[in-house]
Amino acid sequence: VAFEVSADGVHFQAVGDVANDVDEHAESPVIRDFGITRAGIRARYVRVTAKAPIMCPDWHKGAGNQSFIFADEIIVE
């Protein structure tokens, strides 16, 4: 998950990233917070980018279908 900030919404600056450490073979839904702490950054816009595989792998119960990510909320303090 990559985090970027911008003052104008056009020019973004990377401020951190977090690796996904969730077991991809987990059978039940997993709730996981991905976040960074950076003091002193002022921005009007925040961009969060997370990437999933394009298709579910053969071992997955959704094999052959597109994969997806659910994002419940983004908190900026």
N, C-alpha and C. Protein backbone atom coordinates (compact mmCIF):
# COMPACT_ATOMS: atom_id res chain seq x y z
N VAL A 1 0.86 -1.16 0.00
CA VAL A 1 0.00 0.00 0.00
C VAL A 1 0.90 1.22 0.00
N ALA A 2 0.71 2.10 -0.96
CA ALA A 2 1.54 3.30 -1.09
C ALA A 2 0.72 4.53 -0.70
N PHE A 3 1.37 5.46 0.00
CA PHE A 3 0.73 6.69 0.45
C PHE A 3 1.46 7.87 -0.17
N GLU A 4 0.68 8.79 -0.74
CA GLU A 4 1.23 9.99 -1.36
C GLU A 4 0.40 11.20 -0.93
N VAL A 5 1.02 12.38 -0.92
CA VAL A 5 0.32 13.61 -0.56
C VAL A 5 0.60 14.68 -1.61
N SER A 6 -0.31 15.68 -1.65
CA SER A 6 -0.18 16.75 -2.63
C SER A 6 -0.86 18.01 -2.10
N ALA A 7 -0.32 19.15 -2.48
CA ALA A 7 -0.95 20.43 -2.15
C ALA A 7 -1.92 20.85 -3.24
N ASP A 8 -1.68 20.40 -4.49
CA ASP A 8 -2.51 20.87 -5.61
C ASP A 8 -3.34 19.77 -6.29
N GLY A 9 -3.17 18.52 -5.89
CA GLY A 9 -3.92 17.43 -6.50
C GLY A 9 -3.34 16.96 -7.83
N VAL A 10 -2.23 17.54 -8.24
CA VAL A 10 -1.59 17.16 -9.50
C VAL A 10 -0.21 16.56 -9.24
N HIS A 11 0.57 17.24 -8.44
CA HIS A 11 1.94 16.80 -8.14
C HIS A 11 1.95 16.13 -6.77
N PHE A 12 2.16 14.80 -6.77
CA PHE A 12 2.12 14.03 -5.54
C PHE A 12 3.53 13.63 -5.11
N GLN A 13 3.72 13.55 -3.80
CA GLN A 13 4.99 13.15 -3.22
C GLN A 13 4.77 11.90 -2.38
N ALA A 14 5.57 10.88 -2.61
CA ALA A 14 5.48 9.65 -1.83
C ALA A 14 5.91 9.93 -0.39
N VAL A 15 5.12 9.46 0.58
CA VAL A 15 5.47 9.66 1.98
C VAL A 15 5.63 8.36 2.75
N GLY A 16 5.36 7.24 2.11
CA GLY A 16 5.57 5.96 2.77
C GLY A 16 4.81 4.83 2.10
N ASP A 17 5.17 3.62 2.48
CA ASP A 17 4.45 2.45 1.99
C ASP A 17 4.51 1.35 3.05
N VAL A 18 3.55 0.45 2.95
CA VAL A 18 3.44 -0.65 3.90
C VAL A 18 3.27 -1.94 3.11
N ALA A 19 4.08 -2.94 3.44
CA ALA A 19 3.97 -4.24 2.77
C ALA A 19 2.80 -5.04 3.34
N ASN A 20 2.17 -5.82 2.50
CA ASN A 20 1.06 -6.68 2.92
C ASN A 20 1.65 -7.96 3.51
N ASP A 21 1.37 -8.17 4.81
CA ASP A 21 1.88 -9.38 5.45
C ASP A 21 0.76 -10.37 5.77
N VAL A 22 -0.40 -10.18 5.15
CA VAL A 22 -1.53 -11.07 5.37
C VAL A 22 -1.30 -12.36 4.58
N ASP A 23 -1.55 -13.50 5.21
CA ASP A 23 -1.39 -14.80 4.55
C ASP A 23 -2.37 -14.90 3.39
N GLU A 24 -1.88 -15.04 2.18
CA GLU A 24 -2.76 -15.09 1.01
C GLU A 24 -3.61 -16.36 0.97
N HIS A 25 -3.28 -17.34 1.78
CA HIS A 25 -4.07 -18.57 1.84
C HIS A 25 -5.09 -18.56 2.97
N ALA A 26 -5.27 -17.45 3.63
CA ALA A 26 -6.25 -17.37 4.73
C ALA A 26 -7.64 -17.71 4.20
N GLU A 27 -8.35 -18.56 4.90
CA GLU A 27 -9.65 -19.04 4.44
C GLU A 27 -10.80 -18.09 4.80
N SER A 28 -10.63 -17.30 5.85
CA SER A 28 -11.70 -16.41 6.26
C SER A 28 -11.29 -14.96 6.00
N PRO A 29 -12.24 -14.05 6.03
CA PRO A 29 -11.89 -12.63 5.82
C PRO A 29 -10.88 -12.16 6.86
N VAL A 30 -9.99 -11.27 6.44
CA VAL A 30 -8.96 -10.73 7.31
C VAL A 30 -9.12 -9.22 7.36
N ILE A 31 -9.17 -8.67 8.56
CA ILE A 31 -9.22 -7.22 8.73
C ILE A 31 -7.83 -6.78 9.14
N ARG A 32 -7.28 -5.86 8.39
CA ARG A 32 -5.90 -5.41 8.64
C ARG A 32 -5.79 -3.93 8.39
N ASP A 33 -5.18 -3.21 9.30
CA ASP A 33 -4.92 -1.78 9.11
C ASP A 33 -3.57 -1.62 8.43
N PHE A 34 -3.53 -0.77 7.41
CA PHE A 34 -2.28 -0.41 6.75
C PHE A 34 -2.13 1.09 6.93
N GLY A 35 -1.06 1.52 7.57
CA GLY A 35 -0.92 2.94 7.81
C GLY A 35 0.51 3.35 8.04
N ILE A 36 0.72 4.65 7.97
CA ILE A 36 2.03 5.23 8.25
C ILE A 36 1.83 6.38 9.22
N THR A 37 2.89 6.76 9.91
CA THR A 37 2.87 7.93 10.79
C THR A 37 3.98 8.85 10.34
N ARG A 38 3.61 10.03 9.92
CA ARG A 38 4.59 11.03 9.48
C ARG A 38 4.19 12.37 10.07
N ALA A 39 4.94 12.89 10.99
CA ALA A 39 4.65 14.18 11.62
C ALA A 39 5.11 15.32 10.73
N GLY A 40 4.38 16.42 10.78
CA GLY A 40 4.81 17.64 10.11
C GLY A 40 4.47 17.75 8.64
N ILE A 41 3.75 16.81 8.09
CA ILE A 41 3.38 16.89 6.67
C ILE A 41 2.04 17.62 6.55
N ARG A 42 2.03 18.63 5.70
CA ARG A 42 0.78 19.34 5.42
C ARG A 42 0.41 19.07 3.97
N ALA A 43 -0.85 18.69 3.74
CA ALA A 43 -1.30 18.38 2.39
C ALA A 43 -2.80 18.59 2.30
N ARG A 44 -3.25 18.87 1.11
CA ARG A 44 -4.69 18.98 0.87
C ARG A 44 -5.25 17.68 0.32
N TYR A 45 -4.44 16.92 -0.39
CA TYR A 45 -4.87 15.69 -1.03
C TYR A 45 -4.02 14.51 -0.55
N VAL A 46 -4.67 13.38 -0.39
CA VAL A 46 -3.98 12.15 -0.02
C VAL A 46 -4.37 11.08 -1.03
N ARG A 47 -3.39 10.36 -1.54
CA ARG A 47 -3.66 9.26 -2.48
C ARG A 47 -3.12 7.97 -1.86
N VAL A 48 -3.99 6.97 -1.81
CA VAL A 48 -3.62 5.66 -1.28
C VAL A 48 -3.79 4.66 -2.41
N THR A 49 -2.74 3.89 -2.70
CA THR A 49 -2.78 2.93 -3.79
C THR A 49 -2.47 1.54 -3.26
N ALA A 50 -3.38 0.61 -3.52
CA ALA A 50 -3.17 -0.79 -3.16
C ALA A 50 -3.44 -1.63 -4.40
N LYS A 51 -2.62 -2.61 -4.63
CA LYS A 51 -2.77 -3.44 -5.83
C LYS A 51 -3.06 -4.88 -5.46
N ALA A 52 -3.98 -5.48 -6.18
CA ALA A 52 -4.31 -6.90 -6.02
C ALA A 52 -3.93 -7.62 -7.31
N PRO A 53 -3.72 -8.94 -7.22
CA PRO A 53 -3.49 -9.69 -8.46
C PRO A 53 -4.69 -9.50 -9.40
N ILE A 54 -4.45 -9.54 -10.68
CA ILE A 54 -5.54 -9.33 -11.64
C ILE A 54 -6.57 -10.45 -11.56
N MET A 55 -6.11 -11.68 -11.48
CA MET A 55 -7.02 -12.83 -11.41
C MET A 55 -6.71 -13.63 -10.15
N CYS A 56 -7.75 -14.28 -9.60
CA CYS A 56 -7.54 -15.16 -8.45
C CYS A 56 -6.72 -16.37 -8.89
N PRO A 57 -5.74 -16.78 -8.09
CA PRO A 57 -4.90 -17.93 -8.46
C PRO A 57 -5.67 -19.24 -8.46
N ASP A 58 -5.10 -20.25 -9.07
CA ASP A 58 -5.76 -21.56 -9.23
C ASP A 58 -6.21 -22.18 -7.91
N TRP A 59 -5.46 -22.00 -6.82
CA TRP A 59 -5.79 -22.61 -5.54
C TRP A 59 -6.94 -21.89 -4.82
N HIS A 60 -7.28 -20.69 -5.26
CA HIS A 60 -8.31 -19.87 -4.60
C HIS A 60 -9.71 -20.34 -4.98
N LYS A 61 -10.66 -20.23 -4.04
CA LYS A 61 -12.03 -20.67 -4.36
C LYS A 61 -12.68 -19.81 -5.44
N GLY A 62 -12.13 -18.64 -5.72
CA GLY A 62 -12.63 -17.79 -6.80
C GLY A 62 -11.77 -17.89 -8.04
N ALA A 63 -11.03 -18.99 -8.19
CA ALA A 63 -10.10 -19.17 -9.31
C ALA A 63 -10.76 -18.84 -10.64
N GLY A 64 -10.03 -18.10 -11.46
CA GLY A 64 -10.53 -17.74 -12.78
C GLY A 64 -11.30 -16.43 -12.79
N ASN A 65 -11.63 -15.89 -11.63
CA ASN A 65 -12.35 -14.62 -11.53
C ASN A 65 -11.38 -13.50 -11.18
N GLN A 66 -11.80 -12.27 -11.45
CA GLN A 66 -10.98 -11.13 -11.09
C GLN A 66 -10.89 -11.00 -9.58
N SER A 67 -9.73 -10.58 -9.10
CA SER A 67 -9.56 -10.34 -7.66
C SER A 67 -9.96 -8.91 -7.34
N PHE A 68 -10.11 -8.63 -6.05
CA PHE A 68 -10.51 -7.29 -5.64
C PHE A 68 -10.03 -7.01 -4.23
N ILE A 69 -10.06 -5.74 -3.85
CA ILE A 69 -9.68 -5.29 -2.52
C ILE A 69 -10.86 -4.49 -1.97
N PHE A 70 -11.19 -4.73 -0.71
CA PHE A 70 -12.20 -3.92 -0.03
C PHE A 70 -11.46 -2.92 0.86
N ALA A 71 -11.80 -1.65 0.75
CA ALA A 71 -11.24 -0.61 1.63
C ALA A 71 -12.41 0.05 2.33
N ASP A 72 -12.43 -0.07 3.63
CA ASP A 72 -13.56 0.42 4.41
C ASP A 72 -13.47 1.92 4.67
N GLU A 73 -12.32 2.39 5.11
CA GLU A 73 -12.19 3.81 5.39
C GLU A 73 -10.74 4.23 5.35
N ILE A 74 -10.54 5.53 5.13
CA ILE A 74 -9.22 6.12 5.15
C ILE A 74 -9.26 7.23 6.18
N ILE A 75 -8.36 7.18 7.15
CA ILE A 75 -8.33 8.16 8.23
C ILE A 75 -7.08 9.00 8.08
N VAL A 76 -7.26 10.31 8.08
CA VAL A 76 -6.15 11.25 8.00
C VAL A 76 -6.24 12.16 9.23
N GLU A 77 -5.17 12.21 9.99
CA GLU A 77 -5.16 13.05 11.19
C GLU A 77 -4.08 14.10 11.10
